[in-house]
Amino acid sequence: MEANPPEATTRHEGEEAEILPLLRERWSPYCFSDREIEADKLKSVLEAGRWAPSSYNEQPWAYLMARRSEGEPFEKILSCLVEANQAWAKNVAVLMLSFARKNFSKNGKPNPHHVHDLGGAAAHMTFQASAHGLFVHQMAGIDREKIRQTFDIPDTHEPVTAIAIGYLETAPGPDMAELVERDQSPDRRRSLSGTFFGSVWGEASPLFQ
């Protein structure tokens, strides 16, 4: 008996204000299809990341990327994820490892915003992917030392995350039942008032009072 497929709709629970459908409908599934991503769509996702803003236009991001159809390159990236992530990411169409350059290229001084800017590029790619009917799941569970050794990463760059991009699996088999259950869990966030303070730390902005 097949598991019920996860619905390609929002997992958000308790929204407090109206947001764009593209933002509302984004979520990070575990049940990915191995369906190939069309080259033009994938290039569009990457292009969106290229145009993300960054401090002094440094663009500190860099990526290693492989499509599942490429075989060994994909397996090398997959092997650098923690086992729990390998278990589901093995099905995805595209895997990426993200890196952030730690120093400004123009003067060699430390860039305190390198990881922040990398996150901005990831967000750009995530929502461009959503516009194409694709899903993105970012992972902190990676083996950084193995990444450095496997891919001979220079000291100038810091391994930060892995990124899975692909289509949602709409007909998961029995072996994906646990992943389906995880996908069906609601997505919750801290309240606006618990996140956006006024001029006093810990006190909600007057906007929410």
N, C-alpha and C. Protein backbone atom coordinates (compact mmCIF):
# COMPACT_ATOMS: atom_id res chain seq x y z
N MET A 1 0.84 -1.20 0.00
CA MET A 1 0.00 0.00 0.00
C MET A 1 0.88 1.25 0.00
N GLU A 2 0.60 2.17 -0.92
CA GLU A 2 1.42 3.37 -1.03
C GLU A 2 1.03 4.41 0.00
N ALA A 3 2.04 5.17 0.44
CA ALA A 3 1.78 6.26 1.37
C ALA A 3 1.05 7.38 0.65
N ASN A 4 0.26 8.14 1.39
CA ASN A 4 -0.42 9.29 0.80
C ASN A 4 0.60 10.34 0.44
N PRO A 5 0.52 10.89 -0.77
CA PRO A 5 1.52 11.87 -1.18
C PRO A 5 1.36 13.18 -0.43
N PRO A 6 2.47 13.88 -0.17
CA PRO A 6 2.38 15.20 0.44
C PRO A 6 1.76 16.18 -0.53
N GLU A 7 0.90 17.05 -0.05
CA GLU A 7 0.26 18.02 -0.91
C GLU A 7 1.20 19.18 -1.21
N ALA A 8 1.16 19.64 -2.45
CA ALA A 8 2.03 20.75 -2.85
C ALA A 8 1.38 22.08 -2.50
N THR A 9 1.05 22.25 -1.24
CA THR A 9 0.42 23.47 -0.76
C THR A 9 1.16 23.94 0.47
N THR A 10 0.74 25.08 1.00
CA THR A 10 1.43 25.67 2.13
C THR A 10 1.38 24.78 3.37
N ARG A 11 2.46 24.80 4.14
CA ARG A 11 2.50 24.14 5.44
C ARG A 11 2.44 25.20 6.55
N HIS A 12 2.28 26.45 6.18
CA HIS A 12 2.31 27.53 7.16
C HIS A 12 1.10 27.46 8.07
N GLU A 13 1.33 27.71 9.33
CA GLU A 13 0.25 27.68 10.32
C GLU A 13 0.30 28.95 11.15
N GLY A 14 -0.81 29.68 11.22
CA GLY A 14 -0.88 30.87 12.07
C GLY A 14 -0.34 32.12 11.42
N GLU A 15 -0.59 32.33 10.12
CA GLU A 15 -0.12 33.55 9.48
C GLU A 15 -0.80 34.77 10.10
N GLU A 16 -0.05 35.84 10.26
CA GLU A 16 -0.55 37.04 10.91
C GLU A 16 -0.77 38.20 9.94
N ALA A 17 -0.31 38.06 8.72
CA ALA A 17 -0.48 39.12 7.72
C ALA A 17 -0.40 38.50 6.33
N GLU A 18 -0.92 39.22 5.35
CA GLU A 18 -0.93 38.73 3.98
C GLU A 18 0.47 38.80 3.37
N ILE A 19 0.87 37.73 2.69
CA ILE A 19 2.15 37.71 1.99
C ILE A 19 1.91 37.17 0.58
N LEU A 20 2.89 37.33 -0.28
CA LEU A 20 2.77 36.85 -1.65
C LEU A 20 2.58 35.33 -1.67
N PRO A 21 1.74 34.84 -2.58
CA PRO A 21 1.54 33.38 -2.69
C PRO A 21 2.85 32.62 -2.84
N LEU A 22 3.79 33.19 -3.58
CA LEU A 22 5.09 32.53 -3.79
C LEU A 22 5.80 32.28 -2.47
N LEU A 23 5.65 33.21 -1.53
CA LEU A 23 6.26 33.05 -0.21
C LEU A 23 5.44 32.11 0.66
N ARG A 24 4.13 32.24 0.57
CA ARG A 24 3.25 31.42 1.41
C ARG A 24 3.35 29.95 1.06
N GLU A 25 3.52 29.64 -0.19
CA GLU A 25 3.48 28.26 -0.65
C GLU A 25 4.83 27.56 -0.61
N ARG A 26 5.87 28.30 -0.24
CA ARG A 26 7.19 27.67 -0.14
C ARG A 26 7.29 26.81 1.12
N TRP A 27 7.81 25.62 0.98
CA TRP A 27 8.14 24.79 2.12
C TRP A 27 9.24 23.82 1.70
N SER A 28 9.83 23.15 2.65
CA SER A 28 11.00 22.31 2.39
C SER A 28 10.65 20.84 2.56
N PRO A 29 10.33 20.16 1.48
CA PRO A 29 9.93 18.75 1.59
C PRO A 29 11.12 17.81 1.77
N TYR A 30 10.77 16.59 2.17
CA TYR A 30 11.73 15.49 2.20
C TYR A 30 11.48 14.51 1.06
N CYS A 31 10.24 14.48 0.57
CA CYS A 31 9.88 13.56 -0.51
C CYS A 31 10.12 14.22 -1.86
N PHE A 32 11.27 13.95 -2.44
CA PHE A 32 11.60 14.49 -3.74
C PHE A 32 11.50 13.42 -4.82
N SER A 33 11.07 13.85 -5.99
CA SER A 33 11.08 12.99 -7.16
C SER A 33 12.47 13.02 -7.80
N ASP A 34 12.81 11.94 -8.49
CA ASP A 34 14.09 11.93 -9.22
C ASP A 34 13.93 12.50 -10.63
N ARG A 35 12.78 13.10 -10.90
CA ARG A 35 12.53 13.72 -12.21
C ARG A 35 13.59 14.78 -12.50
N GLU A 36 14.13 14.72 -13.70
CA GLU A 36 15.15 15.68 -14.12
C GLU A 36 14.57 17.09 -14.19
N ILE A 37 15.35 18.07 -13.77
CA ILE A 37 14.94 19.47 -13.90
C ILE A 37 15.36 19.97 -15.27
N GLU A 38 14.44 20.59 -15.97
CA GLU A 38 14.74 21.14 -17.28
C GLU A 38 15.88 22.15 -17.18
N ALA A 39 16.79 22.11 -18.15
CA ALA A 39 17.99 22.94 -18.10
C ALA A 39 17.66 24.42 -18.00
N ASP A 40 16.65 24.88 -18.72
CA ASP A 40 16.32 26.30 -18.68
C ASP A 40 15.80 26.72 -17.32
N LYS A 41 15.05 25.85 -16.66
CA LYS A 41 14.55 26.16 -15.33
C LYS A 41 15.69 26.20 -14.32
N LEU A 42 16.59 25.23 -14.41
CA LEU A 42 17.71 25.20 -13.47
C LEU A 42 18.60 26.41 -13.66
N LYS A 43 18.87 26.78 -14.90
CA LYS A 43 19.68 27.96 -15.15
C LYS A 43 19.00 29.22 -14.62
N SER A 44 17.68 29.27 -14.72
CA SER A 44 16.93 30.41 -14.20
C SER A 44 17.08 30.52 -12.69
N VAL A 45 17.04 29.39 -12.00
CA VAL A 45 17.22 29.37 -10.54
C VAL A 45 18.61 29.90 -10.18
N LEU A 46 19.62 29.44 -10.89
CA LEU A 46 20.99 29.87 -10.62
C LEU A 46 21.18 31.35 -10.94
N GLU A 47 20.55 31.80 -12.00
CA GLU A 47 20.64 33.21 -12.37
C GLU A 47 20.05 34.10 -11.28
N ALA A 48 18.96 33.65 -10.67
CA ALA A 48 18.36 34.41 -9.58
C ALA A 48 19.35 34.58 -8.43
N GLY A 49 20.09 33.52 -8.11
CA GLY A 49 21.10 33.62 -7.07
C GLY A 49 22.21 34.58 -7.44
N ARG A 50 22.56 34.61 -8.71
CA ARG A 50 23.64 35.48 -9.18
C ARG A 50 23.32 36.95 -8.95
N TRP A 51 22.03 37.31 -8.98
CA TRP A 51 21.64 38.71 -8.86
C TRP A 51 21.23 39.10 -7.44
N ALA A 52 21.56 38.29 -6.46
CA ALA A 52 21.27 38.64 -5.07
C ALA A 52 22.15 39.81 -4.63
N PRO A 53 21.65 40.64 -3.72
CA PRO A 53 22.47 41.74 -3.21
C PRO A 53 23.53 41.23 -2.25
N SER A 54 24.63 41.98 -2.15
CA SER A 54 25.69 41.62 -1.21
C SER A 54 26.47 42.87 -0.82
N SER A 55 27.11 42.81 0.32
CA SER A 55 27.89 43.94 0.81
C SER A 55 29.00 44.30 -0.18
N TYR A 56 29.04 45.57 -0.61
CA TYR A 56 30.01 46.06 -1.59
C TYR A 56 29.99 45.25 -2.89
N ASN A 57 28.86 44.61 -3.17
CA ASN A 57 28.74 43.76 -4.36
C ASN A 57 29.85 42.71 -4.41
N GLU A 58 30.24 42.21 -3.24
CA GLU A 58 31.32 41.24 -3.16
C GLU A 58 30.94 39.89 -3.77
N GLN A 59 29.63 39.55 -3.67
CA GLN A 59 29.17 38.25 -4.19
C GLN A 59 30.04 37.11 -3.63
N PRO A 60 30.04 36.93 -2.31
CA PRO A 60 30.97 35.99 -1.70
C PRO A 60 30.58 34.52 -1.87
N TRP A 61 29.49 34.25 -2.55
CA TRP A 61 28.99 32.89 -2.67
C TRP A 61 29.69 32.11 -3.79
N ALA A 62 29.77 30.82 -3.58
CA ALA A 62 30.25 29.88 -4.60
C ALA A 62 29.60 28.53 -4.30
N TYR A 63 29.46 27.70 -5.32
CA TYR A 63 28.73 26.44 -5.16
C TYR A 63 29.41 25.31 -5.92
N LEU A 64 29.29 24.11 -5.39
CA LEU A 64 29.52 22.90 -6.15
C LEU A 64 28.15 22.31 -6.43
N MET A 65 27.91 21.86 -7.66
CA MET A 65 26.58 21.39 -8.05
C MET A 65 26.69 20.15 -8.91
N ALA A 66 25.76 19.22 -8.70
CA ALA A 66 25.69 18.03 -9.55
C ALA A 66 24.24 17.59 -9.68
N ARG A 67 23.90 17.14 -10.88
CA ARG A 67 22.59 16.56 -11.11
C ARG A 67 22.66 15.05 -10.86
N ARG A 68 21.58 14.50 -10.40
CA ARG A 68 21.55 13.07 -10.08
C ARG A 68 21.92 12.24 -11.30
N SER A 69 21.53 12.71 -12.47
CA SER A 69 21.80 11.98 -13.71
C SER A 69 23.29 11.92 -14.04
N GLU A 70 24.11 12.74 -13.38
CA GLU A 70 25.54 12.76 -13.66
C GLU A 70 26.29 11.62 -12.97
N GLY A 71 25.64 10.95 -12.03
CA GLY A 71 26.26 9.79 -11.41
C GLY A 71 27.29 10.12 -10.35
N GLU A 72 28.56 9.85 -10.62
CA GLU A 72 29.62 9.98 -9.62
C GLU A 72 29.73 11.37 -9.00
N PRO A 73 29.66 12.46 -9.77
CA PRO A 73 29.72 13.79 -9.14
C PRO A 73 28.61 14.00 -8.11
N PHE A 74 27.42 13.50 -8.43
CA PHE A 74 26.30 13.60 -7.49
C PHE A 74 26.59 12.79 -6.23
N GLU A 75 27.10 11.59 -6.41
CA GLU A 75 27.38 10.72 -5.27
C GLU A 75 28.44 11.33 -4.37
N LYS A 76 29.41 12.02 -4.93
CA LYS A 76 30.46 12.66 -4.13
C LYS A 76 29.87 13.74 -3.24
N ILE A 77 28.97 14.54 -3.79
CA ILE A 77 28.33 15.57 -2.97
C ILE A 77 27.43 14.92 -1.92
N LEU A 78 26.66 13.92 -2.34
CA LEU A 78 25.76 13.23 -1.41
C LEU A 78 26.54 12.65 -0.22
N SER A 79 27.73 12.14 -0.46
CA SER A 79 28.53 11.51 0.59
C SER A 79 28.99 12.51 1.64
N CYS A 80 28.91 13.79 1.34
CA CYS A 80 29.34 14.82 2.28
C CYS A 80 28.22 15.31 3.17
N LEU A 81 27.03 14.75 3.01
CA LEU A 81 25.92 15.07 3.90
C LEU A 81 25.92 14.09 5.07
N VAL A 82 25.35 14.50 6.19
CA VAL A 82 25.20 13.56 7.30
C VAL A 82 24.24 12.45 6.86
N GLU A 83 24.33 11.30 7.49
CA GLU A 83 23.56 10.13 7.04
C GLU A 83 22.06 10.39 6.98
N ALA A 84 21.54 11.12 7.96
CA ALA A 84 20.09 11.39 7.98
C ALA A 84 19.65 12.16 6.75
N ASN A 85 20.50 13.05 6.25
CA ASN A 85 20.16 13.79 5.04
C ASN A 85 20.40 12.97 3.77
N GLN A 86 21.41 12.12 3.79
CA GLN A 86 21.65 11.26 2.64
C GLN A 86 20.45 10.37 2.36
N ALA A 87 19.75 9.96 3.42
CA ALA A 87 18.65 9.00 3.29
C ALA A 87 17.54 9.50 2.38
N TRP A 88 17.29 10.80 2.39
CA TRP A 88 16.23 11.34 1.52
C TRP A 88 16.79 12.12 0.33
N ALA A 89 17.95 12.75 0.50
CA ALA A 89 18.52 13.58 -0.57
C ALA A 89 19.01 12.74 -1.75
N LYS A 90 19.18 11.45 -1.57
CA LYS A 90 19.63 10.59 -2.66
C LYS A 90 18.64 10.58 -3.81
N ASN A 91 17.38 10.97 -3.55
CA ASN A 91 16.35 10.95 -4.58
C ASN A 91 16.24 12.24 -5.38
N VAL A 92 16.84 13.31 -4.90
CA VAL A 92 16.60 14.63 -5.48
C VAL A 92 17.33 14.79 -6.81
N ALA A 93 16.84 15.69 -7.65
CA ALA A 93 17.40 15.88 -8.98
C ALA A 93 18.73 16.62 -8.96
N VAL A 94 18.87 17.59 -8.05
CA VAL A 94 20.08 18.42 -8.01
C VAL A 94 20.54 18.61 -6.57
N LEU A 95 21.82 18.44 -6.35
CA LEU A 95 22.42 18.72 -5.04
C LEU A 95 23.50 19.78 -5.21
N MET A 96 23.56 20.70 -4.24
CA MET A 96 24.58 21.73 -4.26
C MET A 96 25.23 21.82 -2.89
N LEU A 97 26.48 22.22 -2.86
CA LEU A 97 27.15 22.61 -1.63
C LEU A 97 27.46 24.09 -1.74
N SER A 98 27.14 24.84 -0.69
CA SER A 98 27.35 26.29 -0.75
C SER A 98 28.58 26.69 0.06
N PHE A 99 29.25 27.72 -0.42
CA PHE A 99 30.47 28.22 0.21
C PHE A 99 30.42 29.74 0.25
N ALA A 100 31.05 30.31 1.27
CA ALA A 100 31.13 31.76 1.39
C ALA A 100 32.59 32.17 1.54
N ARG A 101 33.01 33.13 0.71
CA ARG A 101 34.36 33.66 0.81
C ARG A 101 34.46 34.52 2.06
N LYS A 102 35.45 34.27 2.90
CA LYS A 102 35.52 34.90 4.22
C LYS A 102 36.06 36.32 4.20
N ASN A 103 36.85 36.67 3.21
CA ASN A 103 37.47 37.99 3.15
C ASN A 103 37.07 38.72 1.87
N PHE A 104 37.09 40.04 1.93
CA PHE A 104 36.82 40.83 0.74
C PHE A 104 37.93 40.61 -0.28
N SER A 105 37.55 40.41 -1.52
CA SER A 105 38.54 40.17 -2.57
C SER A 105 39.34 41.43 -2.90
N LYS A 106 38.75 42.60 -2.64
CA LYS A 106 39.43 43.85 -3.03
C LYS A 106 40.58 44.24 -2.10
N ASN A 107 40.49 43.83 -0.82
CA ASN A 107 41.54 44.25 0.12
C ASN A 107 41.97 43.17 1.10
N GLY A 108 41.34 42.01 1.05
CA GLY A 108 41.73 40.91 1.92
C GLY A 108 41.24 41.02 3.35
N LYS A 109 40.50 42.08 3.66
CA LYS A 109 40.00 42.25 5.02
C LYS A 109 38.81 41.31 5.26
N PRO A 110 38.60 40.89 6.54
CA PRO A 110 37.47 40.00 6.84
C PRO A 110 36.13 40.64 6.42
N ASN A 111 35.30 39.83 5.83
CA ASN A 111 33.95 40.25 5.45
C ASN A 111 32.97 39.69 6.48
N PRO A 112 32.51 40.52 7.43
CA PRO A 112 31.62 40.00 8.47
C PRO A 112 30.24 39.62 7.97
N HIS A 113 29.97 39.91 6.69
CA HIS A 113 28.63 39.67 6.15
C HIS A 113 28.60 38.51 5.16
N HIS A 114 29.68 37.73 5.09
CA HIS A 114 29.78 36.73 4.03
C HIS A 114 28.70 35.67 4.10
N VAL A 115 28.38 35.21 5.31
CA VAL A 115 27.35 34.18 5.44
C VAL A 115 25.96 34.79 5.25
N HIS A 116 25.76 36.01 5.73
CA HIS A 116 24.50 36.71 5.51
C HIS A 116 24.21 36.82 4.02
N ASP A 117 25.20 37.22 3.25
CA ASP A 117 25.00 37.42 1.81
C ASP A 117 24.78 36.09 1.09
N LEU A 118 25.45 35.05 1.54
CA LEU A 118 25.21 33.72 0.98
C LEU A 118 23.75 33.31 1.20
N GLY A 119 23.24 33.60 2.39
CA GLY A 119 21.84 33.29 2.67
C GLY A 119 20.89 34.05 1.76
N GLY A 120 21.24 35.28 1.45
CA GLY A 120 20.41 36.06 0.54
C GLY A 120 20.36 35.44 -0.85
N ALA A 121 21.50 34.95 -1.31
CA ALA A 121 21.54 34.30 -2.62
C ALA A 121 20.71 33.02 -2.61
N ALA A 122 20.76 32.29 -1.50
CA ALA A 122 19.96 31.07 -1.38
C ALA A 122 18.48 31.39 -1.41
N ALA A 123 18.09 32.48 -0.76
CA ALA A 123 16.68 32.89 -0.77
C ALA A 123 16.23 33.24 -2.18
N HIS A 124 17.06 33.97 -2.92
CA HIS A 124 16.73 34.30 -4.30
C HIS A 124 16.48 33.03 -5.11
N MET A 125 17.37 32.06 -4.98
CA MET A 125 17.22 30.82 -5.73
C MET A 125 15.97 30.05 -5.30
N THR A 126 15.71 30.08 -4.01
CA THR A 126 14.56 29.35 -3.48
C THR A 126 13.25 29.84 -4.09
N PHE A 127 13.08 31.14 -4.15
CA PHE A 127 11.81 31.66 -4.64
C PHE A 127 11.72 31.63 -6.16
N GLN A 128 12.84 31.70 -6.84
CA GLN A 128 12.81 31.48 -8.29
C GLN A 128 12.44 30.04 -8.58
N ALA A 129 12.96 29.12 -7.78
CA ALA A 129 12.60 27.71 -7.93
C ALA A 129 11.10 27.52 -7.72
N SER A 130 10.56 28.18 -6.70
CA SER A 130 9.12 28.07 -6.43
C SER A 130 8.30 28.54 -7.62
N ALA A 131 8.77 29.59 -8.28
CA ALA A 131 8.05 30.12 -9.44
C ALA A 131 8.01 29.10 -10.58
N HIS A 132 8.96 28.17 -10.60
CA HIS A 132 9.01 27.14 -11.64
C HIS A 132 8.37 25.83 -11.19
N GLY A 133 7.73 25.82 -10.02
CA GLY A 133 7.12 24.60 -9.53
C GLY A 133 8.11 23.63 -8.91
N LEU A 134 9.30 24.14 -8.57
CA LEU A 134 10.33 23.33 -7.94
C LEU A 134 10.35 23.58 -6.43
N PHE A 135 11.01 22.68 -5.72
CA PHE A 135 11.12 22.82 -4.27
C PHE A 135 12.60 22.80 -3.88
N VAL A 136 12.89 23.51 -2.80
CA VAL A 136 14.26 23.61 -2.30
C VAL A 136 14.28 23.21 -0.83
N HIS A 137 15.27 22.43 -0.46
CA HIS A 137 15.47 22.06 0.95
C HIS A 137 16.93 22.32 1.28
N GLN A 138 17.16 23.28 2.17
CA GLN A 138 18.52 23.61 2.59
C GLN A 138 18.89 22.80 3.83
N MET A 139 20.16 22.43 3.90
CA MET A 139 20.62 21.53 4.97
C MET A 139 21.86 22.09 5.67
N ALA A 140 21.80 22.10 6.99
CA ALA A 140 22.98 22.42 7.78
C ALA A 140 23.79 21.15 8.07
N GLY A 141 23.16 20.00 7.90
CA GLY A 141 23.79 18.73 8.23
C GLY A 141 24.76 18.27 7.16
N ILE A 142 25.98 18.81 7.20
CA ILE A 142 27.03 18.44 6.26
C ILE A 142 28.32 18.15 7.04
N ASP A 143 29.22 17.43 6.40
CA ASP A 143 30.53 17.14 6.99
C ASP A 143 31.54 18.11 6.37
N ARG A 144 31.82 19.19 7.05
CA ARG A 144 32.65 20.25 6.48
C ARG A 144 34.07 19.81 6.19
N GLU A 145 34.65 19.03 7.08
CA GLU A 145 36.01 18.57 6.84
C GLU A 145 36.08 17.62 5.65
N LYS A 146 35.08 16.76 5.52
CA LYS A 146 35.06 15.86 4.38
C LYS A 146 34.90 16.64 3.08
N ILE A 147 34.08 17.70 3.12
CA ILE A 147 33.92 18.54 1.93
C ILE A 147 35.26 19.15 1.53
N ARG A 148 35.97 19.67 2.51
CA ARG A 148 37.27 20.28 2.21
C ARG A 148 38.24 19.27 1.59
N GLN A 149 38.27 18.09 2.17
CA GLN A 149 39.21 17.08 1.70
C GLN A 149 38.79 16.50 0.35
N THR A 150 37.50 16.25 0.19
CA THR A 150 37.01 15.62 -1.04
C THR A 150 37.16 16.53 -2.24
N PHE A 151 36.90 17.81 -2.04
CA PHE A 151 36.88 18.74 -3.17
C PHE A 151 38.04 19.75 -3.15
N ASP A 152 38.97 19.58 -2.20
CA ASP A 152 40.15 20.45 -2.13
C ASP A 152 39.74 21.93 -2.10
N ILE A 153 38.90 22.27 -1.13
CA ILE A 153 38.38 23.63 -1.01
C ILE A 153 39.46 24.55 -0.44
N PRO A 154 39.69 25.71 -1.05
CA PRO A 154 40.72 26.62 -0.54
C PRO A 154 40.31 27.23 0.80
N ASP A 155 41.30 27.65 1.58
CA ASP A 155 41.03 28.23 2.89
C ASP A 155 40.27 29.55 2.80
N THR A 156 40.22 30.14 1.63
CA THR A 156 39.52 31.41 1.46
C THR A 156 38.01 31.27 1.60
N HIS A 157 37.51 30.03 1.45
CA HIS A 157 36.06 29.80 1.45
C HIS A 157 35.64 28.85 2.57
N GLU A 158 34.48 29.12 3.10
CA GLU A 158 33.90 28.34 4.20
C GLU A 158 32.72 27.52 3.71
N PRO A 159 32.73 26.18 3.88
CA PRO A 159 31.54 25.39 3.56
C PRO A 159 30.41 25.75 4.53
N VAL A 160 29.22 25.97 4.01
CA VAL A 160 28.14 26.46 4.88
C VAL A 160 26.94 25.51 4.89
N THR A 161 26.38 25.18 3.74
CA THR A 161 25.18 24.35 3.69
C THR A 161 25.20 23.45 2.47
N ALA A 162 24.24 22.55 2.43
CA ALA A 162 23.90 21.81 1.21
C ALA A 162 22.50 22.24 0.80
N ILE A 163 22.21 22.15 -0.50
CA ILE A 163 20.92 22.57 -1.03
C ILE A 163 20.41 21.51 -1.97
N ALA A 164 19.19 21.05 -1.74
CA ALA A 164 18.53 20.10 -2.63
C ALA A 164 17.47 20.86 -3.43
N ILE A 165 17.43 20.61 -4.73
CA ILE A 165 16.46 21.25 -5.61
C ILE A 165 15.81 20.17 -6.47
N GLY A 166 14.48 20.18 -6.52
CA GLY A 166 13.82 19.19 -7.36
C GLY A 166 12.32 19.32 -7.34
N TYR A 167 11.69 18.38 -7.98
CA TYR A 167 10.23 18.30 -8.00
C TYR A 167 9.75 17.48 -6.81
N LEU A 168 8.55 17.79 -6.36
CA LEU A 168 7.94 17.03 -5.27
C LEU A 168 7.54 15.65 -5.77
N GLU A 169 7.76 14.65 -4.95
CA GLU A 169 7.32 13.29 -5.26
C GLU A 169 5.82 13.19 -4.98
N THR A 170 5.03 12.96 -6.02
CA THR A 170 3.57 12.92 -5.86
C THR A 170 3.04 11.52 -5.67
N ALA A 171 3.87 10.50 -5.83
CA ALA A 171 3.43 9.12 -5.64
C ALA A 171 4.47 8.34 -4.85
N PRO A 172 4.71 8.75 -3.60
CA PRO A 172 5.73 8.06 -2.80
C PRO A 172 5.34 6.62 -2.48
N GLY A 173 6.32 5.75 -2.51
CA GLY A 173 6.08 4.36 -2.19
C GLY A 173 6.12 4.11 -0.69
N PRO A 174 5.87 2.87 -0.28
CA PRO A 174 5.87 2.53 1.15
C PRO A 174 7.17 2.86 1.85
N ASP A 175 8.28 2.81 1.12
CA ASP A 175 9.58 3.08 1.73
C ASP A 175 9.75 4.55 2.08
N MET A 176 8.83 5.41 1.62
CA MET A 176 8.91 6.84 1.90
C MET A 176 7.87 7.28 2.93
N ALA A 177 7.22 6.32 3.59
CA ALA A 177 6.14 6.65 4.51
C ALA A 177 6.59 7.59 5.62
N GLU A 178 7.79 7.36 6.16
CA GLU A 178 8.29 8.22 7.23
C GLU A 178 8.53 9.63 6.73
N LEU A 179 9.02 9.75 5.50
CA LEU A 179 9.26 11.07 4.92
C LEU A 179 7.94 11.79 4.67
N VAL A 180 6.95 11.07 4.22
CA VAL A 180 5.62 11.66 4.01
C VAL A 180 5.08 12.22 5.31
N GLU A 181 5.24 11.47 6.40
CA GLU A 181 4.76 11.94 7.70
C GLU A 181 5.46 13.22 8.10
N ARG A 182 6.76 13.31 7.85
CA ARG A 182 7.50 14.54 8.18
C ARG A 182 7.01 15.71 7.32
N ASP A 183 6.72 15.42 6.04
CA ASP A 183 6.26 16.48 5.14
C ASP A 183 4.89 17.01 5.53
N GLN A 184 4.09 16.19 6.19
CA GLN A 184 2.74 16.60 6.53
C GLN A 184 2.65 17.37 7.85
N SER A 185 3.79 17.54 8.52
CA SER A 185 3.80 18.31 9.76
C SER A 185 3.66 19.80 9.44
N PRO A 186 2.87 20.55 10.21
CA PRO A 186 2.69 21.98 9.95
C PRO A 186 3.98 22.75 10.17
N ASP A 187 4.11 23.85 9.48
CA ASP A 187 5.29 24.72 9.56
C ASP A 187 4.93 25.91 10.43
N ARG A 188 5.57 26.05 11.57
CA ARG A 188 5.24 27.12 12.52
C ARG A 188 6.38 28.11 12.63
N ARG A 189 6.03 29.34 12.99
CA ARG A 189 7.01 30.39 13.19
C ARG A 189 6.70 31.15 14.47
N ARG A 190 7.73 31.76 15.05
CA ARG A 190 7.55 32.66 16.17
C ARG A 190 6.66 33.83 15.72
N SER A 191 5.94 34.43 16.66
CA SER A 191 5.04 35.53 16.32
C SER A 191 5.80 36.76 15.86
N LEU A 192 5.12 37.64 15.13
CA LEU A 192 5.72 38.91 14.73
C LEU A 192 6.19 39.70 15.95
N SER A 193 5.35 39.74 16.98
CA SER A 193 5.70 40.54 18.15
C SER A 193 6.87 39.95 18.93
N GLY A 194 7.12 38.67 18.75
CA GLY A 194 8.24 38.04 19.43
C GLY A 194 9.54 38.11 18.64
N THR A 195 9.46 38.73 17.48
CA THR A 195 10.62 38.81 16.59
C THR A 195 11.03 40.24 16.29
N PHE A 196 10.04 41.10 16.08
CA PHE A 196 10.31 42.48 15.69
C PHE A 196 10.04 43.41 16.87
N PHE A 197 11.14 43.91 17.46
CA PHE A 197 11.05 44.76 18.64
C PHE A 197 11.02 46.23 18.24
N GLY A 198 10.60 47.05 19.19
CA GLY A 198 10.66 48.49 19.01
C GLY A 198 12.03 49.00 19.42
N SER A 199 12.05 50.08 20.19
CA SER A 199 13.33 50.66 20.62
C SER A 199 13.86 50.03 21.91
N VAL A 200 13.09 49.11 22.48
CA VAL A 200 13.51 48.41 23.70
C VAL A 200 13.63 46.92 23.38
N TRP A 201 14.81 46.37 23.67
CA TRP A 201 15.05 44.97 23.37
C TRP A 201 14.06 44.09 24.10
N GLY A 202 13.43 43.17 23.36
CA GLY A 202 12.51 42.22 23.96
C GLY A 202 11.08 42.70 24.02
N GLU A 203 10.85 43.97 23.77
CA GLU A 203 9.49 44.52 23.77
C GLU A 203 9.01 44.70 22.34
N ALA A 204 7.82 44.21 22.08
CA ALA A 204 7.29 44.24 20.71
C ALA A 204 7.19 45.68 20.20
N SER A 205 7.39 45.80 18.89
CA SER A 205 7.19 47.10 18.24
C SER A 205 5.78 47.60 18.50
N PRO A 206 5.59 48.90 18.62
CA PRO A 206 4.23 49.46 18.78
C PRO A 206 3.28 49.04 17.66
N LEU A 207 3.83 48.64 16.53
CA LEU A 207 2.98 48.19 15.41
C LEU A 207 2.09 47.04 15.83
N PHE A 208 2.56 46.23 16.80
CA PHE A 208 1.81 45.03 17.17
C PHE A 208 1.04 45.20 18.47
N GLN A 209 1.02 46.37 19.01
CA GLN A 209 0.32 46.60 20.28
C GLN A 209 -1.06 47.20 20.05
